[in-house]
Amino acid sequence: MTEVNKQRFYKKLAVTGLAFTLVGAGTLGLHSLNFTGEPTVASAAAETYTTTANLNIRSGPSTSNAIIATVKQGTQLTVVGQAASGWLKVSYQGKTGYVSSEYVKKSASSTTKTYVTTANLNIRSGPSTSSAIVVTVKQGTQLTSTEQAANGWLKVSYQGKTGYVSTQYVKESKGSSEPAPAPAASVYVATANLNVRTTASTSGAVMATLKAGTQLDVTAKAANGWLKITYQGKAGYVSGQYVRALAGMKVVSNPESIQVVVNKQNKLPENYVPKDLVYTTIPFTFKEQTEKKKMRSEAAAAIAQLFAGAKKQGVTLLGVSAYRSHATQSVLFSSYVQRDGYDKAATYSALPGTSEHETGLGIDVTKGDGTCAAQDCFGGTKEATWLDAHAAEYGFIIRYPKGKEAVTGYKYEPWHLRYVGKPVAQAIKSKGITLEEYYGIK
């Protein structure tokens, strides 16, 4: 090796951070260094460390190496090995890099568990649906956690960020010792006007008569096809012949989320009322200032923009019905059941607690002249065509599209808009899918 080449070689070694010693004045051969361009790293079982300061992740174990990323204090990193001179090899956002061990400490918990999301899921800044969304991850995403779940929430790490997810939509990877979640309780509903009696027989005195569509608090099964229920704090009995059990009904854990999925299998908490309901500024088919003109504030602003955008393109729209309280939905559904029977009513009207109108995010609209309001004749009109083409630009979807009745459980309703925000709406529109299919849930 020439003197010039030796100087270049020594300089390269210094930059990579590798230490070496020259003994005497002899020349050091390349073969004695075993230099391959990749630092030697002692392998180790993956462990979780937390940064104690804002920290650079570098391409090699030296401050002279390029910065891959800068992470904030408190970020969790997965350490996969130890390099020389106090550097650690870490994994971050699918990439491998190096950090100085001076600015990280081993996490207190020694057990890291991996979870997989069972639906598209929001990671939030705190253990509540009122906390800000840090990031939304897709179904099948792997998350790591070093803490036990508490109050239905789990603290997780994802791409160097820490947040919280609802345990309802994650499951532990193979090897989990956690018990399987209990099946959701059945919801019972009267399919006709129904007498509540003092005994499990028609000879029992009538305590009350419930309207068709009323949800029942069933506590036990009595003899001869009768059910024991609780009504106004008292025990009573109803004939099971006029009661439908809706198995697998779940109460949603995120009713305040703009993307909440409410359908025949997922219901709102009892007597839920959105916190930010406001009157919309759009014209309706009626003049009275009722609850039907209200929507949640973000959705109200978006529907006003949609109406204005439609008008600019020569399409005039009117609102028909937006928010409905639980009480209003109960009366409406009951009237449909009495008129058409439970099975038919359930194809176009929602059981109380499962209506999107109760979220404050849904609205029925119609043509500017008020005709075809919530009727099949609205389909195929220029207004329906415009909505199908442009609603997503304003954050709305056609909630119950044609050909998806088996997925949504409802007939085609070109007039029913649901606000989900522009990113989700545009993704659903581009893929030609439903809200259920987008989140991979029933």
Protein backbone atom coordinates (compact mmCIF):
# COMPACT_ATOMS: atom_id res chain seq x y z
CA MET A 1 0.00 0.00 0.00
CA THR A 2 1.39 3.40 -0.95
CA GLU A 3 1.73 6.18 1.63
CA VAL A 4 -1.05 8.16 -0.03
CA ASN A 5 -3.42 5.18 0.00
CA LYS A 6 -2.61 4.48 3.64
CA GLN A 7 -3.49 8.05 4.60
CA ARG A 8 -6.80 7.81 2.75
CA PHE A 9 -7.57 4.49 4.42
CA TYR A 10 -6.82 5.76 7.94
CA LYS A 11 -9.00 8.79 7.30
CA LYS A 12 -11.89 6.53 6.25
CA LEU A 13 -11.52 4.48 9.41
CA ALA A 14 -11.66 7.59 11.56
CA VAL A 15 -14.88 8.75 9.89
CA THR A 16 -16.62 5.40 10.48
CA GLY A 17 -15.79 5.58 14.16
CA LEU A 18 -13.75 2.35 14.27
CA ALA A 19 -10.86 2.43 16.72
CA PHE A 20 -7.55 0.72 16.03
CA THR A 21 -3.98 0.76 17.33
CA LEU A 22 -0.74 0.77 15.43
CA VAL A 23 2.04 -1.09 17.20
CA GLY A 24 5.55 0.05 16.24
CA ALA A 25 6.11 1.57 12.82
CA GLY A 26 4.89 -1.38 10.76
CA THR A 27 2.24 -1.13 8.06
CA LEU A 28 -1.26 -2.44 8.99
CA GLY A 29 -2.76 -4.71 6.32
CA LEU A 30 -6.39 -4.61 5.25
CA HIS A 31 -6.90 -8.29 5.98
CA SER A 32 -6.11 -7.78 9.69
CA LEU A 33 -9.01 -5.29 10.12
CA ASN A 34 -11.70 -7.49 8.53
CA PHE A 35 -13.37 -4.21 7.32
CA THR A 36 -16.56 -4.71 5.35
CA GLY A 37 -18.12 -1.22 5.56
CA GLU A 38 -20.77 -2.36 8.11
CA PRO A 39 -20.03 -1.90 11.83
CA THR A 40 -19.86 -5.01 13.99
CA VAL A 41 -22.99 -5.31 16.10
CA ALA A 42 -23.63 -7.76 18.91
CA SER A 43 -27.03 -9.31 18.38
CA ALA A 44 -29.55 -9.19 21.22
CA ALA A 45 -33.19 -9.91 21.91
CA ALA A 46 -35.32 -6.95 20.89
CA GLU A 47 -35.93 -4.60 23.81
CA THR A 48 -37.78 -1.31 24.13
CA TYR A 49 -35.90 1.86 25.08
CA THR A 50 -37.18 5.39 25.61
CA THR A 51 -35.32 8.52 24.51
CA THR A 52 -34.42 10.93 27.33
CA ALA A 53 -33.90 13.86 24.94
CA ASN A 54 -34.58 14.80 21.32
CA LEU A 55 -32.29 12.43 19.48
CA ASN A 56 -30.79 11.84 16.03
CA ILE A 57 -30.97 8.36 14.53
CA ARG A 58 -27.95 7.91 12.26
CA SER A 59 -26.96 5.56 9.46
CA GLY A 60 -23.92 4.34 11.44
CA PRO A 61 -22.58 4.35 15.02
CA SER A 62 -20.94 7.76 14.88
CA THR A 63 -21.89 11.45 14.87
CA SER A 64 -20.22 11.70 11.47
CA ASN A 65 -22.86 9.43 9.90
CA ALA A 66 -25.91 10.79 8.13
CA ILE A 67 -29.06 11.54 10.12
CA ILE A 68 -31.94 9.23 9.17
CA ALA A 69 -34.48 10.84 11.47
CA THR A 70 -34.77 13.01 14.57
CA VAL A 71 -37.15 11.75 17.26
CA LYS A 72 -38.58 13.61 20.21
CA GLN A 73 -37.87 13.01 23.87
CA GLY A 74 -40.01 10.15 25.18
CA THR A 75 -40.07 8.26 21.88
CA GLN A 76 -39.96 4.47 22.20
CA LEU A 77 -37.36 2.68 20.08
CA THR A 78 -36.83 -1.04 19.55
CA VAL A 79 -33.18 -1.93 20.18
CA VAL A 80 -32.05 -4.92 18.12
CA GLY A 81 -28.33 -4.93 18.94
CA GLN A 82 -25.34 -3.19 20.49
CA ALA A 83 -22.61 -1.52 18.45
CA ALA A 84 -19.21 -0.33 19.62
CA SER A 85 -18.39 2.80 21.62
CA GLY A 86 -21.75 3.22 23.36
CA TRP A 87 -24.02 3.12 20.31
CA LEU A 88 -27.16 1.01 19.95
CA LYS A 89 -28.65 -0.43 16.78
CA VAL A 90 -32.38 0.38 16.64
CA SER A 91 -35.42 -0.17 14.47
CA TYR A 92 -37.59 2.85 13.66
CA GLN A 93 -40.37 3.20 11.07
CA GLY A 94 -39.22 0.06 9.30
CA LYS A 95 -35.63 1.32 9.01
CA THR A 96 -32.49 0.38 10.93
CA GLY A 97 -30.21 3.01 12.42
CA TYR A 98 -27.99 3.87 15.37
CA VAL A 99 -28.40 6.05 18.46
CA SER A 100 -26.09 7.05 21.27
CA SER A 101 -26.87 5.04 24.42
CA GLU A 102 -26.22 8.20 26.44
CA TYR A 103 -29.67 9.54 25.55
CA VAL A 104 -31.85 6.45 25.91
CA LYS A 105 -32.94 4.32 28.81
CA LYS A 106 -34.47 0.89 28.97
CA SER A 107 -38.23 1.01 29.42
CA ALA A 108 -39.48 0.05 32.85
CA SER A 109 -41.60 -2.84 31.60
CA SER A 110 -39.63 -5.89 30.54
CA THR A 111 -42.42 -7.49 28.50
CA THR A 112 -43.35 -6.19 25.07
CA LYS A 113 -46.48 -7.59 23.50
CA THR A 114 -47.55 -7.31 19.90
CA TYR A 115 -51.14 -6.60 18.96
CA VAL A 116 -52.90 -6.62 15.59
CA THR A 117 -55.73 -4.23 14.73
CA THR A 118 -58.99 -5.92 13.73
CA ALA A 119 -60.29 -2.78 11.98
CA ASN A 120 -58.99 0.57 10.75
CA LEU A 121 -58.27 2.30 14.04
CA ASN A 122 -57.47 5.72 15.51
CA ILE A 123 -54.46 6.02 17.80
CA ARG A 124 -55.21 8.84 20.22
CA SER A 125 -53.14 11.08 22.48
CA GLY A 126 -55.01 9.87 25.57
CA PRO A 127 -57.24 7.00 26.71
CA SER A 128 -60.51 8.55 25.53
CA THR A 129 -62.40 9.20 22.30
CA SER A 130 -62.25 12.90 23.22
CA SER A 131 -58.45 12.86 22.92
CA ALA A 132 -56.81 14.04 19.70
CA ILE A 133 -56.10 11.53 16.92
CA VAL A 134 -52.34 10.96 16.57
CA VAL A 135 -52.62 8.72 13.52
CA THR A 136 -55.10 6.33 11.89
CA VAL A 137 -53.81 2.82 11.10
CA LYS A 138 -55.30 0.22 8.80
CA GLN A 139 -56.79 -3.13 9.75
CA GLY A 140 -54.02 -5.72 10.26
CA THR A 141 -51.44 -3.18 11.51
CA GLN A 142 -49.10 -4.46 14.22
CA LEU A 143 -48.76 -2.37 17.38
CA THR A 144 -46.48 -2.96 20.35
CA SER A 145 -47.33 -2.37 24.00
CA THR A 146 -45.41 -2.69 27.24
CA GLU A 147 -48.33 -1.93 29.53
CA GLN A 148 -51.51 -3.65 30.63
CA ALA A 149 -54.84 -2.43 29.30
CA ALA A 150 -56.92 -0.26 31.62
CA ASN A 151 -60.54 0.86 31.28
CA GLY A 152 -60.77 -0.58 27.79
CA TRP A 153 -57.73 1.33 26.47
CA LEU A 154 -54.21 0.17 25.66
CA LYS A 155 -51.06 2.30 25.49
CA VAL A 156 -49.18 1.40 22.30
CA SER A 157 -46.13 2.32 20.27
CA TYR A 158 -46.32 2.78 16.50
CA GLN A 159 -43.62 4.18 14.20
CA GLY A 160 -41.85 5.82 17.12
CA LYS A 161 -45.01 7.44 18.45
CA THR A 162 -46.89 6.61 21.62
CA GLY A 163 -50.66 6.70 21.89
CA TYR A 164 -53.77 4.87 23.02
CA VAL A 165 -56.19 2.53 21.25
CA SER A 166 -59.48 0.93 22.22
CA THR A 167 -59.00 -2.72 23.14
CA GLN A 168 -62.25 -3.46 21.30
CA TYR A 169 -60.41 -3.32 17.98
CA VAL A 170 -57.11 -5.08 18.72
CA LYS A 171 -56.11 -8.64 19.48
CA GLU A 172 -52.84 -9.98 20.82
CA SER A 173 -50.67 -11.92 18.40
CA LYS A 174 -50.10 -15.66 18.80
CA GLY A 175 -49.01 -16.70 22.23
CA SER A 176 -51.49 -14.45 23.99
CA SER A 177 -52.68 -15.61 27.37
CA GLU A 178 -55.52 -13.10 27.44
CA PRO A 179 -59.02 -14.58 27.66
CA ALA A 180 -61.29 -14.20 24.66
CA PRO A 181 -63.69 -11.27 24.90
CA ALA A 182 -67.19 -12.11 26.04
CA PRO A 183 -69.78 -12.24 23.24
CA ALA A 184 -71.93 -9.16 22.83
CA ALA A 185 -75.29 -9.34 24.55
CA SER A 186 -78.46 -9.75 22.54
CA VAL A 187 -80.84 -6.85 22.05
CA TYR A 188 -84.54 -7.68 22.17
CA VAL A 189 -87.21 -5.69 20.35
CA ALA A 190 -90.99 -5.91 20.16
CA THR A 191 -92.16 -6.74 16.65
CA ALA A 192 -95.74 -5.67 17.41
CA ASN A 193 -97.61 -3.73 20.06
CA LEU A 194 -97.07 -5.89 23.13
CA ASN A 195 -98.65 -6.34 26.56
CA VAL A 196 -96.41 -6.62 29.60
CA ARG A 197 -98.13 -8.92 32.09
CA THR A 198 -97.72 -9.79 35.76
CA THR A 199 -97.33 -13.51 35.03
CA ALA A 200 -96.10 -15.64 32.11
CA SER A 201 -99.59 -16.15 30.77
CA THR A 202 -102.37 -14.25 29.01
CA SER A 203 -104.31 -14.61 32.24
CA GLY A 204 -101.84 -12.28 33.97
CA ALA A 205 -102.88 -8.68 34.46
CA VAL A 206 -101.64 -6.16 31.89
CA MET A 207 -99.04 -3.85 33.44
CA ALA A 208 -98.40 -1.82 30.30
CA THR A 209 -98.65 -1.96 26.53
CA LEU A 210 -95.45 -1.33 24.61
CA LYS A 211 -95.34 -0.06 21.04
CA ALA A 212 -93.88 -2.09 18.21
CA GLY A 213 -90.16 -1.44 17.90
CA THR A 214 -89.62 -0.90 21.63
CA GLN A 215 -86.37 -2.34 22.98
CA LEU A 216 -86.83 -4.73 25.89
CA ASP A 217 -84.67 -5.43 28.93
CA VAL A 218 -84.94 -9.23 28.99
CA THR A 219 -83.63 -10.76 32.22
CA ALA A 220 -84.61 -14.42 31.79
CA LYS A 221 -86.56 -16.91 29.72
CA ALA A 222 -89.73 -18.12 31.38
CA ALA A 223 -91.77 -21.22 30.54
CA ASN A 224 -93.99 -21.73 27.50
CA GLY A 225 -92.25 -19.18 25.28
CA TRP A 226 -92.56 -16.22 27.63
CA LEU A 227 -89.76 -13.83 28.53
CA LYS A 228 -89.17 -12.11 31.85
CA ILE A 229 -88.34 -8.43 31.46
CA THR A 230 -87.72 -5.36 33.55
CA TYR A 231 -90.05 -2.45 32.82
CA GLN A 232 -89.95 0.81 34.77
CA GLY A 233 -88.08 -0.95 37.57
CA LYS A 234 -90.62 -3.78 37.87
CA ALA A 235 -90.52 -7.39 36.69
CA GLY A 236 -93.00 -8.41 34.03
CA TYR A 237 -93.57 -10.96 31.28
CA VAL A 238 -94.07 -10.76 27.52
CA SER A 239 -94.82 -13.38 24.90
CA GLY A 240 -91.69 -14.38 22.99
CA GLN A 241 -93.86 -14.77 19.89
CA TYR A 242 -93.75 -11.00 19.41
CA VAL A 243 -90.12 -10.42 20.33
CA ARG A 244 -87.04 -10.51 18.09
CA ALA A 245 -83.58 -11.21 19.52
CA LEU A 246 -80.82 -9.32 17.69
CA ALA A 247 -77.73 -11.31 18.69
CA GLY A 248 -74.25 -9.81 18.61
CA MET A 249 -75.27 -6.17 18.98
CA LYS A 250 -72.35 -4.09 20.28
CA VAL A 251 -72.25 -0.63 21.80
CA VAL A 252 -69.70 1.55 19.99
CA SER A 253 -66.82 2.87 22.10
CA ASN A 254 -66.25 5.99 19.97
CA PRO A 255 -69.64 7.68 19.48
CA GLU A 256 -68.03 11.14 19.16
CA SER A 257 -65.75 10.06 16.30
CA ILE A 258 -66.55 11.56 12.90
CA GLN A 259 -65.93 8.08 11.43
CA VAL A 260 -68.08 6.13 13.92
CA VAL A 261 -69.82 3.12 12.35
CA VAL A 262 -73.42 2.81 13.49
CA ASN A 263 -75.47 0.04 11.89
CA LYS A 264 -77.57 -3.03 12.69
CA GLN A 265 -74.69 -4.60 14.65
CA ASN A 266 -73.21 -1.49 16.27
CA LYS A 267 -75.38 0.81 18.36
CA LEU A 268 -74.88 4.09 20.17
CA PRO A 269 -74.75 4.24 23.98
CA GLU A 270 -78.17 4.50 25.60
CA ASN A 271 -79.61 8.02 25.35
CA TYR A 272 -76.51 9.34 23.54
CA VAL A 273 -76.69 13.00 22.49
CA PRO A 274 -73.85 14.63 20.45
CA LYS A 275 -72.14 17.45 22.34
CA ASP A 276 -71.71 19.91 19.48
CA LEU A 277 -75.08 20.00 17.72
CA VAL A 278 -75.80 23.27 15.92
CA TYR A 279 -78.49 24.47 13.54
CA THR A 280 -77.45 24.18 9.92
CA THR A 281 -77.70 27.18 7.61
CA ILE A 282 -79.11 25.29 4.63
CA PRO A 283 -82.75 25.52 3.43
CA PHE A 284 -85.12 22.67 4.34
CA THR A 285 -88.47 21.50 3.06
CA PHE A 286 -90.09 23.03 6.16
CA LYS A 287 -89.76 26.36 8.01
CA GLU A 288 -89.96 25.31 11.67
CA GLN A 289 -86.75 25.44 13.72
CA THR A 290 -86.74 21.82 14.96
CA GLU A 291 -84.05 19.30 15.89
CA LYS A 292 -84.23 17.95 12.32
CA LYS A 293 -82.27 21.01 11.17
CA LYS A 294 -79.35 20.28 13.49
CA MET A 295 -76.04 18.54 12.77
CA ARG A 296 -72.71 18.31 14.52
CA SER A 297 -70.74 21.50 13.95
CA GLU A 298 -68.17 20.09 11.50
CA ALA A 299 -70.84 18.31 9.47
CA ALA A 300 -73.05 21.42 9.49
CA ALA A 301 -70.26 23.52 7.97
CA ALA A 302 -69.57 20.83 5.37
CA ILE A 303 -73.20 20.46 4.26
CA ALA A 304 -73.44 24.25 3.79
CA GLN A 305 -70.39 24.08 1.49
CA LEU A 306 -71.92 21.14 -0.41
CA PHE A 307 -75.19 23.00 -1.00
CA ALA A 308 -73.28 26.08 -2.17
CA GLY A 309 -71.11 24.00 -4.50
CA ALA A 310 -74.17 22.33 -5.98
CA LYS A 311 -75.89 25.65 -6.56
CA LYS A 312 -72.88 26.99 -8.46
CA GLN A 313 -73.29 24.07 -10.85
CA GLY A 314 -77.02 24.60 -11.32
CA VAL A 315 -78.21 22.01 -8.80
CA THR A 316 -80.57 23.16 -6.04
CA LEU A 317 -81.02 20.99 -2.95
CA LEU A 318 -83.17 21.05 0.19
CA GLY A 319 -82.67 19.35 3.53
CA VAL A 320 -85.34 16.87 4.63
CA SER A 321 -84.15 15.50 7.96
CA ALA A 322 -80.80 15.68 9.77
CA TYR A 323 -80.47 14.97 13.52
CA ARG A 324 -83.04 12.86 15.34
CA SER A 325 -83.07 12.25 19.07
CA HIS A 326 -83.37 8.73 20.45
CA ALA A 327 -86.97 9.49 21.44
CA THR A 328 -87.85 10.72 17.95
CA GLN A 329 -86.29 7.67 16.32
CA SER A 330 -88.22 5.40 18.71
CA VAL A 331 -91.56 6.94 17.71
CA LEU A 332 -90.68 6.88 14.00
CA PHE A 333 -89.49 3.27 13.94
CA SER A 334 -92.51 2.13 15.95
CA SER A 335 -94.88 3.77 13.48
CA TYR A 336 -93.18 2.03 10.54
CA VAL A 337 -93.36 -1.36 12.30
CA GLN A 338 -97.08 -0.89 12.96
CA ARG A 339 -97.67 0.08 9.33
CA ASP A 340 -95.46 -2.42 7.47
CA GLY A 341 -94.42 -5.03 10.03
CA TYR A 342 -91.02 -5.39 11.67
CA ASP A 343 -89.15 -7.18 8.87
CA LYS A 344 -90.07 -4.70 6.15
CA ALA A 345 -89.61 -1.66 8.39
CA ALA A 346 -86.09 -2.82 9.25
CA THR A 347 -85.06 -2.57 5.58
CA TYR A 348 -85.56 1.18 5.46
CA SER A 349 -85.68 2.42 9.05
CA ALA A 350 -83.25 1.91 11.94
CA LEU A 351 -83.88 0.50 15.36
CA PRO A 352 -83.54 3.26 17.97
CA GLY A 353 -79.86 3.58 18.88
CA THR A 354 -78.69 2.31 15.50
CA SER A 355 -79.77 5.27 13.36
CA GLU A 356 -77.12 7.48 11.79
CA HIS A 357 -79.44 10.42 12.29
CA GLU A 358 -78.81 10.06 16.04
CA THR A 359 -75.09 10.70 15.48
CA GLY A 360 -75.71 14.18 14.07
CA LEU A 361 -73.63 13.20 11.02
CA GLY A 362 -76.37 12.00 8.68
CA ILE A 363 -78.85 13.99 6.60
CA ASP A 364 -81.56 13.24 4.05
CA VAL A 365 -81.78 15.71 1.15
CA THR A 366 -83.99 16.19 -1.88
CA LYS A 367 -84.60 18.36 -4.95
CA GLY A 368 -85.06 22.10 -4.79
CA ASP A 369 -88.82 21.81 -5.41
CA GLY A 370 -89.23 19.45 -2.45
CA THR A 371 -90.54 16.51 -4.46
CA CYS A 372 -89.33 12.92 -4.07
CA ALA A 373 -88.20 13.59 -0.49
CA ALA A 374 -86.84 10.29 0.92
CA GLN A 375 -88.55 8.45 -1.93
CA ASP A 376 -87.27 6.09 -4.60
CA CYS A 377 -88.14 8.61 -7.32
CA PHE A 378 -85.17 10.71 -6.15
CA GLY A 379 -82.83 8.14 -7.69
CA GLY A 380 -81.79 9.01 -11.23
CA THR A 381 -82.57 12.71 -10.89
CA LYS A 382 -79.89 15.25 -11.77
CA GLU A 383 -79.64 16.06 -8.06
CA ALA A 384 -78.97 12.43 -7.13
CA THR A 385 -76.45 12.14 -9.97
CA TRP A 386 -74.62 15.27 -8.80
CA LEU A 387 -74.48 14.02 -5.21
CA ASP A 388 -73.09 10.67 -6.27
CA ALA A 389 -70.35 12.39 -8.27
CA HIS A 390 -69.45 15.25 -5.91
CA ALA A 391 -70.50 14.51 -2.31
CA ALA A 392 -67.08 13.06 -1.42
CA GLU A 393 -65.42 16.36 -2.34
CA TYR A 394 -67.15 17.82 0.72
CA GLY A 395 -66.58 14.85 3.05
CA PHE A 396 -69.90 13.03 2.50
CA ILE A 397 -70.71 9.55 1.21
CA ILE A 398 -73.91 7.99 -0.10
CA ARG A 399 -74.27 5.84 2.99
CA TYR A 400 -76.53 3.16 1.49
CA PRO A 401 -75.43 2.68 -2.13
CA LYS A 402 -77.12 0.55 -4.78
CA GLY A 403 -75.99 -3.08 -4.85
CA LYS A 404 -74.67 -3.02 -1.28
CA GLU A 405 -77.88 -3.95 0.54
CA ALA A 406 -76.33 -7.20 1.83
CA VAL A 407 -73.50 -5.19 3.40
CA THR A 408 -75.35 -2.21 4.86
CA GLY A 409 -78.61 -4.01 5.66
CA TYR A 410 -80.64 -1.22 4.07
CA LYS A 411 -82.21 -0.56 0.69
CA TYR A 412 -80.61 1.93 -1.71
CA GLU A 413 -81.04 5.49 -0.45
CA PRO A 414 -79.47 8.04 -2.83
CA TRP A 415 -80.78 10.85 -0.61
CA HIS A 416 -79.05 9.77 2.62
CA LEU A 417 -75.70 11.49 3.09
CA ARG A 418 -73.25 10.71 5.87
CA TYR A 419 -70.36 12.97 6.85
CA VAL A 420 -67.05 11.12 7.43
CA GLY A 421 -64.49 13.79 6.42
CA LYS A 422 -62.86 14.31 3.03
CA PRO A 423 -60.01 11.73 3.21
CA VAL A 424 -62.29 8.83 4.16
CA ALA A 425 -65.12 9.93 1.87
CA GLN A 426 -62.83 10.20 -1.15
CA ALA A 427 -61.24 6.81 -0.43
CA ILE A 428 -64.66 5.16 -0.15
CA LYS A 429 -65.85 6.83 -3.35
CA SER A 430 -62.74 5.88 -5.34
CA LYS A 431 -63.01 2.23 -4.29
CA GLY A 432 -66.76 1.97 -4.71
CA ILE A 433 -67.22 0.50 -1.22
CA THR A 434 -69.25 1.14 1.92
CA LEU A 435 -68.24 2.47 5.32
CA GLU A 436 -68.37 -1.09 6.68
CA GLU A 437 -66.06 -2.36 3.95
CA TYR A 438 -63.65 0.54 4.41
CA TYR A 439 -63.16 -0.30 8.08
CA GLY A 440 -63.47 -4.06 7.60
CA ILE A 441 -66.23 -4.43 10.18
CA LYS A 442 -69.81 -5.60 10.21
